Protein backbone atom coordinates (compact mmCIF):
# COMPACT_ATOMS: atom_id res chain seq x y z
CA UNK A 1 14.84 35.07 20.53
CA UNK A 2 15.89 38.72 21.01
CA UNK A 3 13.30 39.48 23.77
CA UNK A 4 14.81 36.56 25.78
CA UNK A 5 18.14 38.49 25.80
CA UNK A 6 16.42 41.12 27.77
CA UNK A 7 13.87 39.49 30.09
CA UNK A 8 15.95 36.56 31.17
CA UNK A 9 18.84 38.53 32.56
CA UNK A 10 16.39 41.01 33.99
CA UNK A 11 14.56 38.34 35.95
CA UNK A 12 17.96 36.92 37.17
CA UNK A 13 19.09 40.34 38.34
CA UNK A 14 15.82 41.01 40.01
CA UNK A 15 15.95 37.65 41.72
CA UNK A 16 19.45 38.45 42.93
CA UNK A 17 18.50 41.89 44.31
CA UNK A 18 15.40 40.44 46.00
CA UNK A 19 17.51 37.69 47.52
CA UNK A 20 20.02 40.23 48.92
CA UNK A 21 17.15 42.32 50.32
CA UNK A 22 15.70 39.21 52.02
CA UNK A 23 18.95 37.91 53.25
CA UNK A 24 20.33 41.13 54.60
CA UNK A 25 17.09 42.92 55.44
CA UNK A 26 18.26 45.93 53.45
CA UNK A 27 15.21 47.54 52.01
CA UNK A 28 17.36 49.41 49.44
CA UNK A 29 17.90 46.10 47.48
CA UNK A 30 14.18 45.38 47.50
CA UNK A 31 13.22 48.49 45.73
CA UNK A 32 16.22 48.36 43.43
CA UNK A 33 15.11 44.93 42.32
CA UNK A 34 11.75 46.37 41.20
CA UNK A 35 13.39 48.07 38.18
CA UNK A 36 14.75 44.97 36.47
CA UNK A 37 11.62 43.01 37.44
CA UNK A 38 9.46 45.55 35.68
CA UNK A 39 11.66 45.59 32.64
CA UNK A 40 11.53 41.78 32.58
CA UNK A 41 7.79 41.51 32.93
CA UNK A 42 7.12 44.29 30.40
CA UNK A 43 9.55 42.67 27.90
CA UNK A 44 7.94 39.21 28.38
CA UNK A 45 4.45 40.57 27.72
CA UNK A 46 5.48 42.21 24.44
CA UNK A 47 7.99 39.59 23.45
CA UNK A 48 6.35 38.61 20.16
CA UNK A 49 6.14 42.12 18.85
CA UNK A 50 9.65 42.89 20.07
CA UNK A 51 11.04 39.82 18.37
CA UNK A 52 9.22 40.63 15.17
CA UNK A 53 10.63 44.15 15.19
CA UNK A 54 14.16 42.90 15.74
CA UNK A 55 14.03 40.26 13.05
CA UNK A 56 12.52 42.64 10.44
CA UNK A 57 15.52 44.90 11.13
CA UNK A 58 17.97 42.04 11.36
CA UNK A 59 16.69 38.91 9.36
CA UNK A 60 18.10 35.79 10.90
CA UNK A 61 18.76 34.25 7.41
CA UNK A 62 18.78 30.47 6.62
CA UNK A 63 21.05 27.66 7.63
CA UNK A 64 23.18 25.92 4.95
CA UNK A 65 20.97 22.85 5.19
CA UNK A 66 17.84 25.03 4.38
CA UNK A 67 19.61 26.75 1.45
CA UNK A 68 20.45 23.27 0.07
CA UNK A 69 16.81 22.25 0.29
CA UNK A 70 15.80 25.34 -1.65
CA UNK A 71 18.57 24.69 -4.26
CA UNK A 72 17.40 21.16 -4.67
CA UNK A 73 13.58 21.55 -4.61
CA UNK A 74 12.77 25.17 -5.48
CA UNK A 75 13.72 26.01 -9.08
CA UNK A 76 12.72 29.66 -8.65
CA UNK A 77 15.42 30.17 -6.02
CA UNK A 78 18.11 28.62 -8.28
CA UNK A 79 17.39 31.24 -10.90
CA UNK A 80 17.85 34.24 -8.70
CA UNK A 81 21.09 36.25 -8.93
CA UNK A 82 23.25 36.45 -5.88
CA UNK A 83 21.89 39.63 -4.40
CA UNK A 84 18.24 38.46 -4.94
CA UNK A 85 19.13 35.09 -3.40
CA UNK A 86 20.23 36.86 -0.26
CA UNK A 87 17.09 38.98 -0.27
CA UNK A 88 14.98 35.88 -0.75
CA UNK A 89 16.65 34.17 2.19
CA UNK A 90 16.19 37.19 4.48
CA UNK A 91 12.54 37.54 3.57
CA UNK A 92 11.94 33.84 3.98
CA UNK A 93 13.41 33.79 7.36
CA UNK A 94 11.16 36.51 8.58
CA UNK A 95 8.07 35.35 6.79
CA UNK A 96 8.32 32.01 8.49
CA UNK A 97 8.55 33.65 11.97
CA UNK A 98 5.54 35.91 11.26
CA UNK A 99 3.15 33.07 10.17
CA UNK A 100 1.60 30.44 12.47
CA UNK A 101 1.49 26.83 11.49
CA UNK A 102 -0.76 23.94 12.50
CA UNK A 103 -0.58 20.32 11.48
CA UNK A 104 -3.64 18.13 11.32
CA UNK A 105 -3.66 14.37 11.71
CA UNK A 106 0.14 14.37 12.25
CA UNK A 107 2.12 15.33 15.41
CA UNK A 108 4.96 17.21 13.89
CA UNK A 109 5.26 19.59 10.86
CA UNK A 110 8.05 18.53 8.58
CA UNK A 111 10.65 21.33 8.61
CA UNK A 112 11.38 21.21 4.89
CA UNK A 113 7.76 21.46 3.96
CA UNK A 114 7.23 24.42 6.25
CA UNK A 115 10.24 26.02 4.48
CA UNK A 116 8.93 25.35 1.00
CA UNK A 117 5.43 26.61 1.77
CA UNK A 118 6.87 29.92 3.14
CA UNK A 119 9.14 30.10 0.17
CA UNK A 120 6.16 29.99 -2.12
CA UNK A 121 4.71 33.00 -0.34
CA UNK A 122 7.98 34.84 -0.67
CA UNK A 123 8.21 33.90 -4.38
CA UNK A 124 4.97 35.76 -5.39
CA UNK A 125 6.04 38.88 -3.36
CA UNK A 126 9.69 39.09 -4.37
CA UNK A 127 8.84 41.97 -6.75
CA UNK A 128 7.13 44.00 -4.02
CA UNK A 129 9.00 46.84 -2.26
CA UNK A 130 10.11 46.38 1.29
CA UNK A 131 7.37 45.82 3.80
CA UNK A 132 7.23 44.96 7.47
CA UNK A 133 5.26 41.91 6.74
CA UNK A 134 4.39 40.43 3.35
CA UNK A 135 0.88 39.03 2.92
CA UNK A 136 0.07 40.35 6.36
CA UNK A 137 -3.63 39.26 5.88
CA UNK A 138 -2.35 35.63 6.06
CA UNK A 139 -2.67 34.67 9.73
CA UNK A 140 -2.08 30.91 9.75
CA UNK A 141 -1.06 27.99 7.46
CA UNK A 142 -2.78 24.68 8.14
CA UNK A 143 -1.18 21.50 6.61
CA UNK A 144 -2.94 18.25 6.10
CA UNK A 145 -1.26 14.93 5.03
CA UNK A 146 -3.71 14.30 2.14
CA UNK A 147 -6.97 15.72 0.67
CA UNK A 148 -9.40 17.05 3.23
CA UNK A 149 -12.92 18.28 3.78
CA UNK A 150 -13.90 21.49 5.83
CA UNK A 151 -17.16 22.85 7.06
CA UNK A 152 -17.02 25.53 4.25
CA UNK A 153 -16.26 23.08 1.42
CA UNK A 154 -17.72 19.81 2.61
CA UNK A 155 -18.98 18.18 -0.71
CA UNK A 156 -15.61 17.41 -2.28
CA UNK A 157 -12.22 16.34 -1.03
CA UNK A 158 -9.72 19.06 -1.96
CA UNK A 159 -6.11 20.12 -1.55
CA UNK A 160 -6.18 23.95 -1.11
CA UNK A 161 -8.54 26.33 0.61
CA UNK A 162 -8.40 29.81 1.92
CA UNK A 163 -10.67 30.30 4.89
CA UNK A 164 -11.38 33.81 5.96
CA UNK A 165 -14.07 33.47 8.65
CA UNK A 166 -11.87 35.15 11.37
CA UNK A 167 -8.78 35.93 9.46
CA UNK A 168 -7.26 34.61 6.20
CA UNK A 169 -6.05 31.07 6.77
CA UNK A 170 -4.39 28.87 4.08
CA UNK A 171 -5.14 25.21 4.14
CA UNK A 172 -2.95 22.80 2.06
CA UNK A 173 -2.54 19.04 1.64
CA UNK A 174 1.21 18.02 1.86
CA UNK A 175 0.60 15.30 -0.73
CA UNK A 176 -0.43 17.52 -3.61
CA UNK A 177 1.76 20.40 -2.59
CA UNK A 178 4.80 18.18 -2.77
CA UNK A 179 3.84 16.81 -6.17
CA UNK A 180 3.25 20.19 -7.58
CA UNK A 181 6.83 21.23 -6.62
CA UNK A 182 8.47 18.01 -7.77
CA UNK A 183 6.67 17.47 -11.08
CA UNK A 184 5.70 20.76 -12.67
CA UNK A 185 4.51 19.31 -16.00
CA UNK A 186 2.00 16.86 -14.53
CA UNK A 187 0.84 18.52 -11.34
CA UNK A 188 -0.63 21.78 -10.37
CA UNK A 189 1.11 23.79 -7.63
CA UNK A 190 -1.64 24.15 -4.97
CA UNK A 191 0.71 26.35 -2.82
CA UNK A 192 0.99 28.99 -5.54
CA UNK A 193 -2.73 28.87 -6.04
CA UNK A 194 -3.43 29.52 -2.30
CA UNK A 195 -0.76 32.21 -1.95
CA UNK A 196 -2.12 33.97 -5.12
CA UNK A 197 -5.57 34.03 -3.54
CA UNK A 198 -4.19 35.58 -0.36
CA UNK A 199 -2.35 38.16 -2.58
CA UNK A 200 -5.51 38.80 -4.59
CA UNK A 201 -7.58 39.46 -1.44
CA UNK A 202 -4.94 41.76 0.12
CA UNK A 203 -4.45 43.96 -2.99
CA UNK A 204 -8.09 43.81 -4.29
CA UNK A 205 -7.59 42.14 -7.65
CA UNK A 206 -10.32 40.31 -9.34
CA UNK A 207 -10.74 37.89 -12.27
CA UNK A 208 -12.46 40.63 -14.33
CA UNK A 209 -9.24 42.68 -14.23
CA UNK A 210 -7.37 40.15 -16.41
CA UNK A 211 -7.21 41.49 -20.10
CA UNK A 212 -9.08 38.75 -21.77
CA UNK A 213 -12.69 39.28 -22.81
CA UNK A 214 -13.76 35.58 -23.17
CA UNK A 215 -12.98 33.93 -19.79
CA UNK A 216 -14.11 30.54 -21.04
CA UNK A 217 -11.63 30.68 -23.87
CA UNK A 218 -8.92 31.85 -21.46
CA UNK A 219 -9.65 28.82 -19.22
CA UNK A 220 -9.28 26.39 -22.23
CA UNK A 221 -6.01 27.96 -23.17
CA UNK A 222 -4.69 27.62 -19.57
CA UNK A 223 -5.70 23.98 -19.53
CA UNK A 224 -3.83 23.36 -22.81
CA UNK A 225 -0.61 24.95 -21.63
CA UNK A 226 0.26 21.72 -19.82
CA UNK A 227 -2.49 19.52 -21.31
CA UNK A 228 -4.43 19.34 -18.06
CA UNK A 229 -7.90 17.85 -18.21
CA UNK A 230 -10.78 20.32 -18.37
CA UNK A 231 -11.98 20.95 -14.75
CA UNK A 232 -8.84 19.70 -13.04
CA UNK A 233 -9.01 22.64 -10.72
CA UNK A 234 -12.08 21.18 -9.12
CA UNK A 235 -9.89 18.41 -7.77
CA UNK A 236 -7.59 20.89 -6.14
CA UNK A 237 -9.98 23.49 -4.64
CA UNK A 238 -13.35 21.67 -4.55
CA UNK A 239 -15.14 24.76 -5.96
CA UNK A 240 -17.47 24.64 -8.99
CA UNK A 241 -16.30 28.07 -10.16
CA UNK A 242 -12.90 28.47 -11.64
CA UNK A 243 -10.57 30.86 -9.79
CA UNK A 244 -8.99 32.46 -12.88
CA UNK A 245 -6.55 34.88 -11.21
CA UNK A 246 -5.12 32.10 -9.16
CA UNK A 247 -4.86 29.77 -12.10
CA UNK A 248 -3.15 32.33 -14.22
CA UNK A 249 -0.75 33.04 -11.34
CA UNK A 250 0.16 29.36 -11.06
CA UNK A 251 0.86 29.15 -14.86
CA UNK A 252 2.65 32.53 -14.86
CA UNK A 253 5.28 31.13 -12.42
CA UNK A 254 5.26 27.41 -13.40
CA UNK A 255 5.30 27.62 -17.26
CA UNK A 256 6.07 31.19 -18.04
CA UNK A 257 7.52 30.73 -21.53
CA UNK A 258 4.53 28.81 -22.72
CA UNK A 259 2.12 31.31 -21.18
CA UNK A 260 3.99 34.26 -22.70
CA UNK A 261 3.78 32.69 -26.13
CA UNK A 262 0.18 31.64 -25.94
CA UNK A 263 -1.22 34.56 -23.95
CA UNK A 264 1.12 37.53 -24.25
CA UNK A 265 -1.32 40.19 -22.96
CA UNK A 266 -2.27 38.07 -19.94
CA UNK A 267 1.42 37.43 -19.20
CA UNK A 268 2.26 41.13 -19.42
CA UNK A 269 -0.60 41.93 -17.06
CA UNK A 270 0.83 39.50 -14.46
CA UNK A 271 4.20 41.01 -14.91
CA UNK A 272 2.83 44.28 -13.79
CA UNK A 273 0.88 42.62 -10.98
CA UNK A 274 3.99 40.82 -9.46
CA UNK A 275 6.68 43.01 -10.81
CA UNK A 276 8.45 39.86 -12.07
CA UNK A 277 9.36 38.13 -15.35
CA UNK A 278 9.62 34.45 -14.75
CA UNK A 279 10.37 33.81 -18.43
CA UNK A 280 13.57 35.58 -17.87
CA UNK A 281 16.07 32.75 -17.36
CA UNK A 282 18.71 35.12 -15.97
CA UNK A 283 16.69 36.50 -13.07
CA UNK A 284 12.90 36.63 -12.73
CA UNK A 285 12.83 39.75 -10.41
CA UNK A 286 12.22 43.00 -12.21
CA UNK A 287 12.43 45.33 -9.23
CA UNK A 288 15.99 46.35 -8.33
CA UNK A 289 17.18 45.09 -5.01
CA UNK A 290 17.05 47.82 -2.38
CA UNK A 291 19.70 47.42 0.39
CA UNK A 292 19.01 48.37 3.98
CA UNK A 293 21.24 51.41 3.67
CA UNK A 294 19.37 52.63 0.62
CA UNK A 295 16.16 52.20 2.55
CA UNK A 296 17.47 54.39 5.36
CA UNK A 297 18.57 57.08 2.82
CA UNK A 298 15.05 57.00 1.35
CA UNK A 299 13.54 57.41 4.72
CA UNK A 300 15.76 60.37 5.56
CA UNK A 301 14.95 61.95 2.20
CA UNK A 302 11.28 61.58 2.82
CA UNK A 303 11.61 63.18 6.27
CA UNK A 304 13.40 66.15 4.79
CA UNK A 305 10.48 66.58 2.25
CA UNK A 306 7.98 66.55 5.03
CA UNK A 307 10.01 69.19 6.96
């Protein structure tokens, strides 16, 4: 971690100076040691914020193993062009550092699943302009091995939930999330559903914004896109009310060609929401990639306008 490169040497230097002061009884070394000691303590206290600042400026990127996992299990990543692949990797590496994870009923969080859950969050925000933290209202991701019950939804086992009692917390079952990634035709992607709900809450979207007057008819058409049984969503989120924005988002990314054909107005609406076109087989991202140098030029231009 970047902060460690500052406070660890500072602590060592302070220790050396204090040791010299104690051994030689020279007061000068004692007071000189206060400077690196103060720097070390201050850096340690703000280490999380300092590390985040550094990694936003200089994304750590992904290892070759992690890139191979994405190439094997994340079709969206495979379809990105080379510049957008690099952007996706950088955003993912920072997104993963900014979100806290908890694992329930198991001791350790599988690294590949943590990677794929974060990749889902990056997927729906790839069309957004550069931000310090994407989906910053998402504070924690909690993973369960299988379906779970919580105090908020305690009448039905379910696989995805967004709990916002204190801050927005995404709960997912590993079992159904994995199936949704591996078998798109037969399983619903609970990760996309949960991230879409976080996105919806952050940007203030609602089901009523979707350009389709008869919501019941829209629900039926969504079910028929992959021949899912009516009411399948209840198995996933345990809620009696259908979350239409989230369902549309999942279908928008998972079966874009079918959705564009059956629901062209709804598809175009979500293109504007996410600034992406998943039906584009060449590259789903609409927004042009902005390099860090272009960002700096934009910032300078904006500063000149202010002056």
